Amino acid sequence: MTALTGKTRINLLIGSPIAQVLAPGWLTDRMQKAGHDGLLVPIQILPDRLDVALPELMAMPNVDSILVTLPHKFGASRHCSELSPRATILGAINAMRRAPNGHWHGDNFDGAGMLQGLQNAGHDVVGKSVYVAGAGGAGSSIAVSVLEAGATRIALHDPDATKEGALLDLLERNYPGRASKGTGDVTGFDVVINASYAGFKATDPLPVDVSGLVPATVVADVITDPVPTRLLVEAGARGCATRDGTHMLEGQMQLLYDFMTKR
């Protein structure tokens, strides 16, 4: 490992909770192996402290980029000077970096990472029906990405009716007639994706009714710890192919590394 000095570039990952994230180790290791003098440091920012803490982090000259996880993906986007087209549609980011002019540019790689994680195992969404549980930052990005990639239709559900309604409205504006409200029944769907909090704890309720799963269904989860989640255990017991949050994270690694190091 390259010795840390005052020249080492700092990259941050913010969220709450933060103990479950794996990206700091993975991306720091990638930087070191590539000869890039930098590291990624996890920082917990409580939900009600984002607007106080984030500007202070952005003002630090040796901070090059900030990765963003739950629950800050929407709030952090408001602190960026400019957003990528997909981040503009979503209003949510999972990465932001300092531009040469000092402005901060935000982008969203959640959906791209999930798609890459599925494709790495030979699962494509082209021509498929997809159920998405969760309408937060990850769920929104995944919904946009699967429709962009050629899914015929998606259904989505979130316990927060406001979030769910807002995402359905966004999808209807951009992809008319291809998104509908989910009920938890996943019968007939080719791919089922959990993009919600359900699964962080063993006592969490399942995000969907697993009785509708069949062996041909592909089931994926965004959660990286624990792995596998209860949903994936139930899906595996029904003969489904499964992909966990580490596969999604692996799918994002090169995209995030290139973004952070301005490659």
C-alpha atoms as a PDB file:
ATOM      1  CA  MET A   1       0.000   0.000   0.000  1.00  0.00           C
ATOM      2  CA  THR A   2       1.239   3.463  -0.908  1.00  0.00           C
ATOM      3  CA  ALA A   3       2.151   5.518   2.136  1.00  0.00           C
ATOM      4  CA  LEU A   4      -0.379   8.192   3.037  1.00  0.00           C
ATOM      5  CA  THR A   5       0.960  11.734   2.957  1.00  0.00           C
ATOM      6  CA  GLY A   6      -0.393  15.252   2.903  1.00  0.00           C
ATOM      7  CA  LYS A   7      -0.660  14.901  -0.887  1.00  0.00           C
ATOM      8  CA  THR A   8      -3.068  11.966  -0.716  1.00  0.00           C
ATOM      9  CA  ARG A   9      -6.412  12.884  -2.313  1.00  0.00           C
ATOM     10  CA  ILE A  10      -9.473  12.293  -0.160  1.00  0.00           C
ATOM     11  CA  ASN A  11     -12.754  10.843  -1.399  1.00  0.00           C
ATOM     12  CA  LEU A  12     -15.706  10.394   0.933  1.00  0.00           C
ATOM     13  CA  LEU A  13     -18.753   8.144   1.176  1.00  0.00           C
ATOM     14  CA  ILE A  14     -21.661   9.574   3.163  1.00  0.00           C
ATOM     15  CA  GLY A  15     -24.815   7.879   4.443  1.00  0.00           C
ATOM     16  CA  SER A  16     -26.737   6.749   7.505  1.00  0.00           C
ATOM     17  CA  PRO A  17     -26.321   3.949   8.483  1.00  0.00           C
ATOM     18  CA  ILE A  18     -22.824   3.497   7.086  1.00  0.00           C
ATOM     19  CA  ALA A  19     -21.464   0.327   8.749  1.00  0.00           C
ATOM     20  CA  GLN A  20     -22.754  -1.928   5.945  1.00  0.00           C
ATOM     21  CA  VAL A  21     -20.914  -0.257   3.045  1.00  0.00           C
ATOM     22  CA  LEU A  22     -18.110  -2.128   1.267  1.00  0.00           C
ATOM     23  CA  ALA A  23     -17.078   0.470  -1.323  1.00  0.00           C
ATOM     24  CA  PRO A  24     -14.383   2.193   0.819  1.00  0.00           C
ATOM     25  CA  GLY A  25     -12.172  -0.879   0.906  1.00  0.00           C
ATOM     26  CA  TRP A  26     -12.841  -1.901  -2.664  1.00  0.00           C
ATOM     27  CA  LEU A  27     -12.266   1.494  -4.252  1.00  0.00           C
ATOM     28  CA  THR A  28      -9.268   2.390  -2.080  1.00  0.00           C
ATOM     29  CA  ASP A  29      -7.666  -0.892  -3.117  1.00  0.00           C
ATOM     30  CA  ARG A  30      -8.393  -0.125  -6.773  1.00  0.00           C
ATOM     31  CA  MET A  31      -6.795   3.310  -6.443  1.00  0.00           C
ATOM     32  CA  GLN A  32      -3.717   1.861  -4.783  1.00  0.00           C
ATOM     33  CA  LYS A  33      -3.266  -0.845  -7.415  1.00  0.00           C
ATOM     34  CA  ALA A  34      -3.629   1.735 -10.202  1.00  0.00           C
ATOM     35  CA  GLY A  35      -1.014   4.010  -8.613  1.00  0.00           C
ATOM     36  CA  HIS A  36      -3.558   6.730  -7.797  1.00  0.00           C
ATOM     37  CA  ASP A  37      -2.638   8.484  -4.543  1.00  0.00           C
ATOM     38  CA  GLY A  38      -6.086   8.542  -2.944  1.00  0.00           C
ATOM     39  CA  LEU A  39      -8.474   6.753  -0.607  1.00  0.00           C
ATOM     40  CA  LEU A  40     -12.190   6.536   0.100  1.00  0.00           C
ATOM     41  CA  VAL A  41     -13.349   7.260   3.666  1.00  0.00           C
ATOM     42  CA  PRO A  42     -16.850   6.437   5.033  1.00  0.00           C
ATOM     43  CA  ILE A  43     -18.567   9.176   7.053  1.00  0.00           C
ATOM     44  CA  GLN A  44     -21.950   8.849   8.755  1.00  0.00           C
ATOM     45  CA  ILE A  45     -24.124  11.933   8.398  1.00  0.00           C
ATOM     46  CA  LEU A  46     -27.447  11.739  10.209  1.00  0.00           C
ATOM     47  CA  PRO A  47     -30.512  12.491   8.062  1.00  0.00           C
ATOM     48  CA  ASP A  48     -31.200  15.890   9.597  1.00  0.00           C
ATOM     49  CA  ARG A  49     -27.559  17.045   9.379  1.00  0.00           C
ATOM     50  CA  LEU A  50     -26.910  16.768   5.636  1.00  0.00           C
ATOM     51  CA  ASP A  51     -27.443  20.424   4.775  1.00  0.00           C
ATOM     52  CA  VAL A  52     -25.039  21.445   7.550  1.00  0.00           C
ATOM     53  CA  ALA A  53     -22.320  18.824   7.037  1.00  0.00           C
ATOM     54  CA  LEU A  54     -22.154  18.448   3.248  1.00  0.00           C
ATOM     55  CA  PRO A  55     -21.196  22.052   2.386  1.00  0.00           C
ATOM     56  CA  GLU A  56     -18.340  21.835   4.886  1.00  0.00           C
ATOM     57  CA  LEU A  57     -17.016  18.659   3.242  1.00  0.00           C
ATOM     58  CA  MET A  58     -17.363  20.188  -0.229  1.00  0.00           C
ATOM     59  CA  ALA A  59     -15.339  23.210   0.885  1.00  0.00           C
ATOM     60  CA  MET A  60     -12.291  21.104   1.810  1.00  0.00           C
ATOM     61  CA  PRO A  61      -9.724  21.580  -1.007  1.00  0.00           C
ATOM     62  CA  ASN A  62      -8.250  18.079  -0.796  1.00  0.00           C
ATOM     63  CA  VAL A  63     -11.629  16.334  -1.181  1.00  0.00           C
ATOM     64  CA  ASP A  64     -12.038  15.268  -4.830  1.00  0.00           C
ATOM     65  CA  SER A  65     -15.340  13.391  -4.755  1.00  0.00           C
ATOM     66  CA  ILE A  66     -18.176  12.297  -2.490  1.00  0.00           C
ATOM     67  CA  LEU A  67     -20.142   9.091  -2.962  1.00  0.00           C
ATOM     68  CA  VAL A  68     -23.680   9.131  -1.570  1.00  0.00           C
ATOM     69  CA  THR A  69     -25.799   6.324  -0.147  1.00  0.00           C
ATOM     70  CA  LEU A  70     -29.134   6.135   1.709  1.00  0.00           C
ATOM     71  CA  PRO A  71     -30.829   8.385   2.766  1.00  0.00           C
ATOM     72  CA  HIS A  72     -28.993  11.341   1.172  1.00  0.00           C
ATOM     73  CA  LYS A  73     -29.293  10.719  -2.576  1.00  0.00           C
ATOM     74  CA  PHE A  74     -32.029  13.267  -3.159  1.00  0.00           C
ATOM     75  CA  GLY A  75     -30.774  15.852  -0.695  1.00  0.00           C
ATOM     76  CA  ALA A  76     -27.186  15.768  -1.961  1.00  0.00           C
ATOM     77  CA  SER A  77     -28.303  16.517  -5.523  1.00  0.00           C
ATOM     78  CA  ARG A  78     -29.427  19.971  -4.397  1.00  0.00           C
ATOM     79  CA  HIS A  79     -25.840  20.836  -3.474  1.00  0.00           C
ATOM     80  CA  CYS A  80     -24.477  20.188  -6.994  1.00  0.00           C
ATOM     81  CA  SER A  81     -23.919  22.951  -9.528  1.00  0.00           C
ATOM     82  CA  GLU A  82     -24.699  20.598 -12.399  1.00  0.00           C
ATOM     83  CA  LEU A  83     -26.173  17.122 -12.896  1.00  0.00           C
ATOM     84  CA  SER A  84     -25.877  14.455 -15.578  1.00  0.00           C
ATOM     85  CA  PRO A  85     -28.996  13.919 -17.735  1.00  0.00           C
ATOM     86  CA  ARG A  86     -30.016  10.782 -15.796  1.00  0.00           C
ATOM     87  CA  ALA A  87     -29.446  12.508 -12.461  1.00  0.00           C
ATOM     88  CA  THR A  88     -31.511  15.444 -13.706  1.00  0.00           C
ATOM     89  CA  ILE A  89     -34.431  13.109 -14.535  1.00  0.00           C
ATOM     90  CA  LEU A  90     -34.139  11.395 -11.170  1.00  0.00           C
ATOM     91  CA  GLY A  91     -33.343  14.369  -8.970  1.00  0.00           C
ATOM     92  CA  ALA A  92     -31.033  11.987  -7.084  1.00  0.00           C
ATOM     93  CA  ILE A  93     -27.315  11.194  -7.183  1.00  0.00           C
ATOM     94  CA  ASN A  94     -24.966   8.617  -5.740  1.00  0.00           C
ATOM     95  CA  ALA A  95     -21.736  10.373  -6.694  1.00  0.00           C
ATOM     96  CA  MET A  96     -20.494  13.948  -6.932  1.00  0.00           C
ATOM     97  CA  ARG A  97     -17.081  15.318  -7.851  1.00  0.00           C
ATOM     98  CA  ARG A  98     -15.312  18.636  -7.944  1.00  0.00           C
ATOM     99  CA  ALA A  99     -14.886  20.051 -11.467  1.00  0.00           C
ATOM    100  CA  PRO A 100     -11.781  22.054 -12.473  1.00  0.00           C
ATOM    101  CA  ASN A 101     -13.771  25.286 -12.070  1.00  0.00           C
ATOM    102  CA  GLY A 102     -14.609  24.344  -8.468  1.00  0.00           C
ATOM    103  CA  HIS A 103     -18.219  23.465  -9.190  1.00  0.00           C
ATOM    104  CA  TRP A 104     -19.608  20.102  -8.136  1.00  0.00           C
ATOM    105  CA  HIS A 105     -21.021  17.703 -10.747  1.00  0.00           C
ATOM    106  CA  GLY A 106     -23.472  14.963  -9.704  1.00  0.00           C
ATOM    107  CA  ASP A 107     -24.298  11.645 -11.382  1.00  0.00           C
ATOM    108  CA  ASN A 108     -26.195   8.457 -10.583  1.00  0.00           C
ATOM    109  CA  PHE A 109     -24.774   4.966 -11.146  1.00  0.00           C
ATOM    110  CA  ASP A 110     -27.179   2.850  -9.051  1.00  0.00           C
ATOM    111  CA  GLY A 111     -29.279   1.640 -11.958  1.00  0.00           C
ATOM    112  CA  ALA A 112     -26.269   1.095 -14.210  1.00  0.00           C
ATOM    113  CA  GLY A 113     -24.595  -0.933 -11.465  1.00  0.00           C
ATOM    114  CA  MET A 114     -27.641  -3.141 -10.954  1.00  0.00           C
ATOM    115  CA  LEU A 115     -27.924  -3.790 -14.699  1.00  0.00           C
ATOM    116  CA  GLN A 116     -24.225  -4.621 -14.944  1.00  0.00           C
ATOM    117  CA  GLY A 117     -24.505  -6.965 -11.965  1.00  0.00           C
ATOM    118  CA  LEU A 118     -27.370  -8.810 -13.666  1.00  0.00           C
ATOM    119  CA  GLN A 119     -25.631  -8.894 -17.046  1.00  0.00           C
ATOM    120  CA  ASN A 120     -22.443 -10.287 -15.513  1.00  0.00           C
ATOM    121  CA  ALA A 121     -24.468 -13.393 -14.640  1.00  0.00           C
ATOM    122  CA  GLY A 122     -26.142 -13.576 -18.046  1.00  0.00           C
ATOM    123  CA  HIS A 123     -29.424 -11.912 -17.064  1.00  0.00           C
ATOM    124  CA  ASP A 124     -30.705  -9.184 -19.361  1.00  0.00           C
ATOM    125  CA  VAL A 125     -33.816  -7.029 -18.973  1.00  0.00           C
ATOM    126  CA  VAL A 126     -34.443  -6.425 -22.672  1.00  0.00           C
ATOM    127  CA  GLY A 127     -38.016  -7.463 -23.431  1.00  0.00           C
ATOM    128  CA  LYS A 128     -38.595  -8.452 -19.783  1.00  0.00           C
ATOM    129  CA  SER A 129     -41.099  -7.400 -17.129  1.00  0.00           C
ATOM    130  CA  VAL A 130     -39.529  -6.058 -13.937  1.00  0.00           C
ATOM    131  CA  TYR A 131     -40.914  -5.521 -10.429  1.00  0.00           C
ATOM    132  CA  VAL A 132     -39.108  -2.933  -8.276  1.00  0.00           C
ATOM    133  CA  ALA A 133     -39.721  -2.669  -4.524  1.00  0.00           C
ATOM    134  CA  GLY A 134     -38.676   0.757  -3.278  1.00  0.00           C
ATOM    135  CA  ALA A 135     -39.050   4.223  -4.810  1.00  0.00           C
ATOM    136  CA  GLY A 136     -36.146   5.955  -3.083  1.00  0.00           C
ATOM    137  CA  GLY A 137     -32.845   6.924  -4.685  1.00  0.00           C
ATOM    138  CA  ALA A 138     -31.770   3.397  -5.652  1.00  0.00           C
ATOM    139  CA  GLY A 139     -35.242   2.316  -6.747  1.00  0.00           C
ATOM    140  CA  SER A 140     -35.711   5.412  -8.884  1.00  0.00           C
ATOM    141  CA  SER A 141     -32.356   4.954 -10.618  1.00  0.00           C
ATOM    142  CA  ILE A 142     -32.995   1.263 -11.221  1.00  0.00           C
ATOM    143  CA  ALA A 143     -36.477   1.958 -12.610  1.00  0.00           C
ATOM    144  CA  VAL A 144     -35.115   4.500 -15.094  1.00  0.00           C
ATOM    145  CA  SER A 145     -32.206   2.250 -16.081  1.00  0.00           C
ATOM    146  CA  VAL A 146     -34.274  -0.876 -16.737  1.00  0.00           C
ATOM    147  CA  LEU A 147     -36.712   1.068 -18.903  1.00  0.00           C
ATOM    148  CA  GLU A 148     -33.843   2.717 -20.780  1.00  0.00           C
ATOM    149  CA  ALA A 149     -32.307  -0.734 -21.269  1.00  0.00           C
ATOM    150  CA  GLY A 150     -35.437  -2.104 -22.946  1.00  0.00           C
ATOM    151  CA  ALA A 151     -37.671  -3.658 -20.286  1.00  0.00           C
ATOM    152  CA  THR A 152     -41.219  -3.873 -21.625  1.00  0.00           C
ATOM    153  CA  ARG A 153     -42.866  -2.808 -18.376  1.00  0.00           C
ATOM    154  CA  ILE A 154     -42.203  -2.310 -14.704  1.00  0.00           C
ATOM    155  CA  ALA A 155     -44.323  -2.243 -11.589  1.00  0.00           C
ATOM    156  CA  LEU A 156     -43.117  -0.536  -8.450  1.00  0.00           C
ATOM    157  CA  HIS A 157     -44.231  -0.203  -4.873  1.00  0.00           C
ATOM    158  CA  ASP A 158     -43.073   1.796  -1.872  1.00  0.00           C
ATOM    159  CA  PRO A 159     -44.770   2.041   1.558  1.00  0.00           C
ATOM    160  CA  ASP A 160     -44.313   5.804   1.271  1.00  0.00           C
ATOM    161  CA  ALA A 161     -47.204   6.746  -1.017  1.00  0.00           C
ATOM    162  CA  THR A 162     -45.681  10.161  -1.736  1.00  0.00           C
ATOM    163  CA  LYS A 163     -42.414   8.669  -3.003  1.00  0.00           C
ATOM    164  CA  GLU A 164     -44.231   6.027  -4.972  1.00  0.00           C
ATOM    165  CA  GLY A 165     -46.569   8.532  -6.610  1.00  0.00           C
ATOM    166  CA  ALA A 166     -43.727  10.900  -7.474  1.00  0.00           C
ATOM    167  CA  LEU A 167     -41.718   8.151  -9.168  1.00  0.00           C
ATOM    168  CA  LEU A 168     -44.731   6.868 -11.091  1.00  0.00           C
ATOM    169  CA  ASP A 169     -45.414  10.396 -12.326  1.00  0.00           C
ATOM    170  CA  LEU A 170     -41.762  10.801 -13.371  1.00  0.00           C
ATOM    171  CA  LEU A 171     -41.795   7.505 -15.266  1.00  0.00           C
ATOM    172  CA  GLU A 172     -45.087   8.286 -16.979  1.00  0.00           C
ATOM    173  CA  ARG A 173     -43.668  11.587 -18.223  1.00  0.00           C
ATOM    174  CA  ASN A 174     -40.528   9.971 -19.592  1.00  0.00           C
ATOM    175  CA  TYR A 175     -41.726   6.450 -20.500  1.00  0.00           C
ATOM    176  CA  PRO A 176     -45.504   6.712 -21.126  1.00  0.00           C
ATOM    177  CA  GLY A 177     -47.552   3.604 -20.428  1.00  0.00           C
ATOM    178  CA  ARG A 178     -44.672   1.394 -19.280  1.00  0.00           C
ATOM    179  CA  ALA A 179     -44.838   1.769 -15.484  1.00  0.00           C
ATOM    180  CA  SER A 180     -47.607   0.884 -13.050  1.00  0.00           C
ATOM    181  CA  LYS A 181     -48.276   0.662  -9.326  1.00  0.00           C
ATOM    182  CA  GLY A 182     -47.219  -2.628  -7.719  1.00  0.00           C
ATOM    183  CA  THR A 183     -49.135  -4.503  -5.049  1.00  0.00           C
ATOM    184  CA  GLY A 184     -46.442  -6.834  -3.731  1.00  0.00           C
ATOM    185  CA  ASP A 185     -47.668  -9.665  -5.967  1.00  0.00           C
ATOM    186  CA  VAL A 186     -44.780 -10.581  -8.286  1.00  0.00           C
ATOM    187  CA  THR A 187     -46.586 -13.322 -10.190  1.00  0.00           C
ATOM    188  CA  GLY A 188     -45.670 -13.183 -13.871  1.00  0.00           C
ATOM    189  CA  PHE A 189     -42.666 -10.891 -13.553  1.00  0.00           C
ATOM    190  CA  ASP A 190     -39.359 -11.969 -15.081  1.00  0.00           C
ATOM    191  CA  VAL A 191     -37.130  -9.959 -12.744  1.00  0.00           C
ATOM    192  CA  VAL A 192     -37.804  -8.838  -9.158  1.00  0.00           C
ATOM    193  CA  ILE A 193     -35.555  -6.233  -7.553  1.00  0.00           C
ATOM    194  CA  ASN A 194     -35.587  -5.077  -3.939  1.00  0.00           C
ATOM    195  CA  ALA A 195     -34.358  -1.490  -3.743  1.00  0.00           C
ATOM    196  CA  SER A 196     -35.831  -0.789  -0.298  1.00  0.00           C
ATOM    197  CA  TYR A 197     -34.574  -0.902   3.288  1.00  0.00           C
ATOM    198  CA  ALA A 198     -36.381  -4.220   3.846  1.00  0.00           C
ATOM    199  CA  GLY A 199     -33.629  -6.687   4.617  1.00  0.00           C
ATOM    200  CA  PHE A 200     -31.184  -4.720   6.761  1.00  0.00           C
ATOM    201  CA  LYS A 201     -32.590  -6.581   9.780  1.00  0.00           C
ATOM    202  CA  ALA A 202     -33.567 -10.231  10.065  1.00  0.00           C
ATOM    203  CA  THR A 203     -36.916  -9.130  11.478  1.00  0.00           C
ATOM    204  CA  ASP A 204     -37.739  -6.883   8.510  1.00  0.00           C
ATOM    205  CA  PRO A 205     -40.840  -7.863   6.528  1.00  0.00           C
ATOM    206  CA  LEU A 206     -40.273  -9.235   3.040  1.00  0.00           C
ATOM    207  CA  PRO A 207     -40.565  -6.508   0.380  1.00  0.00           C
ATOM    208  CA  VAL A 208     -42.729  -8.705  -1.886  1.00  0.00           C
ATOM    209  CA  ASP A 209     -44.996 -11.744  -1.654  1.00  0.00           C
ATOM    210  CA  VAL A 210     -42.565 -14.555  -2.426  1.00  0.00           C
ATOM    211  CA  SER A 211     -45.370 -17.011  -3.176  1.00  0.00           C
ATOM    212  CA  GLY A 212     -45.453 -15.517  -6.676  1.00  0.00           C
ATOM    213  CA  LEU A 213     -41.841 -16.482  -7.426  1.00  0.00           C
ATOM    214  CA  VAL A 214     -41.084 -19.336  -9.817  1.00  0.00           C
ATOM    215  CA  PRO A 215     -37.723 -20.896 -10.776  1.00  0.00           C
ATOM    216  CA  ALA A 216     -37.540 -18.752 -13.939  1.00  0.00           C
ATOM    217  CA  THR A 217     -37.719 -15.524 -11.907  1.00  0.00           C
ATOM    218  CA  VAL A 218     -34.463 -13.633 -11.344  1.00  0.00           C
ATOM    219  CA  VAL A 219     -34.395 -11.936  -7.930  1.00  0.00           C
ATOM    220  CA  ALA A 220     -31.927  -9.191  -7.001  1.00  0.00           C
ATOM    221  CA  ASP A 221     -31.354  -7.085  -3.892  1.00  0.00           C
ATOM    222  CA  VAL A 222     -29.451  -3.824  -3.392  1.00  0.00           C
ATOM    223  CA  ILE A 223     -28.499  -4.607   0.222  1.00  0.00           C
ATOM    224  CA  THR A 224     -24.824  -5.467   0.776  1.00  0.00           C
ATOM    225  CA  ASP A 225     -24.992  -6.515   4.425  1.00  0.00           C
ATOM    226  CA  PRO A 226     -26.382  -8.983   5.339  1.00  0.00           C
ATOM    227  CA  VAL A 227     -25.785 -11.199   2.322  1.00  0.00           C
ATOM    228  CA  PRO A 228     -27.906 -13.017   1.451  1.00  0.00           C
ATOM    229  CA  THR A 229     -30.980 -11.161   2.643  1.00  0.00           C
ATOM    230  CA  ARG A 230     -34.058 -13.052   3.752  1.00  0.00           C
ATOM    231  CA  LEU A 231     -35.642 -12.270   0.366  1.00  0.00           C
ATOM    232  CA  LEU A 232     -32.787 -13.938  -1.500  1.00  0.00           C
ATOM    233  CA  VAL A 233     -32.842 -16.950   0.825  1.00  0.00           C
ATOM    234  CA  GLU A 234     -36.572 -17.376   0.149  1.00  0.00           C
ATOM    235  CA  ALA A 235     -36.030 -16.894  -3.591  1.00  0.00           C
ATOM    236  CA  GLY A 236     -33.181 -19.382  -3.698  1.00  0.00           C
ATOM    237  CA  ALA A 237     -35.307 -21.956  -1.910  1.00  0.00           C
ATOM    238  CA  ARG A 238     -37.831 -21.600  -4.748  1.00  0.00           C
ATOM    239  CA  GLY A 239     -35.188 -22.255  -7.381  1.00  0.00           C
ATOM    240  CA  CYS A 240     -34.691 -18.644  -8.481  1.00  0.00           C
ATOM    241  CA  ALA A 241     -31.398 -17.235  -9.677  1.00  0.00           C
ATOM    242  CA  THR A 242     -30.358 -14.490  -7.251  1.00  0.00           C
ATOM    243  CA  ARG A 243     -28.035 -11.485  -7.250  1.00  0.00           C
ATOM    244  CA  ASP A 244     -27.172  -9.634  -4.053  1.00  0.00           C
ATOM    245  CA  GLY A 245     -26.055  -6.088  -3.337  1.00  0.00           C
ATOM    246  CA  THR A 246     -22.370  -6.946  -3.707  1.00  0.00           C
ATOM    247  CA  HIS A 247     -22.999  -7.863  -7.347  1.00  0.00           C
ATOM    248  CA  MET A 248     -24.623  -4.479  -7.931  1.00  0.00           C
ATOM    249  CA  LEU A 249     -21.704  -2.813  -6.163  1.00  0.00           C
ATOM    250  CA  GLU A 250     -19.211  -4.711  -8.306  1.00  0.00           C
ATOM    251  CA  GLY A 251     -21.101  -3.501 -11.353  1.00  0.00           C
ATOM    252  CA  GLN A 252     -20.641   0.081 -10.206  1.00  0.00           C
ATOM    253  CA  MET A 253     -16.979  -0.140  -9.225  1.00  0.00           C
ATOM    254  CA  GLN A 254     -15.362   0.729 -12.540  1.00  0.00           C
ATOM    255  CA  LEU A 255     -17.990   3.391 -13.276  1.00  0.00           C
ATOM    256  CA  LEU A 256     -17.436   5.009  -9.881  1.00  0.00           C
ATOM    257  CA  TYR A 257     -13.654   4.690 -10.044  1.00  0.00           C
ATOM    258  CA  ASP A 258     -13.542   6.408 -13.421  1.00  0.00           C
ATOM    259  CA  PHE A 259     -15.882   9.139 -12.165  1.00  0.00           C
ATOM    260  CA  MET A 260     -13.924   9.754  -8.946  1.00  0.00           C
ATOM    261  CA  THR A 261     -10.532   9.884 -10.646  1.00  0.00           C
ATOM    262  CA  LYS A 262     -11.850  11.879 -13.643  1.00  0.00           C
ATOM    263  CA  ARG A 263     -10.800   9.175 -16.124  1.00  0.00           C
END
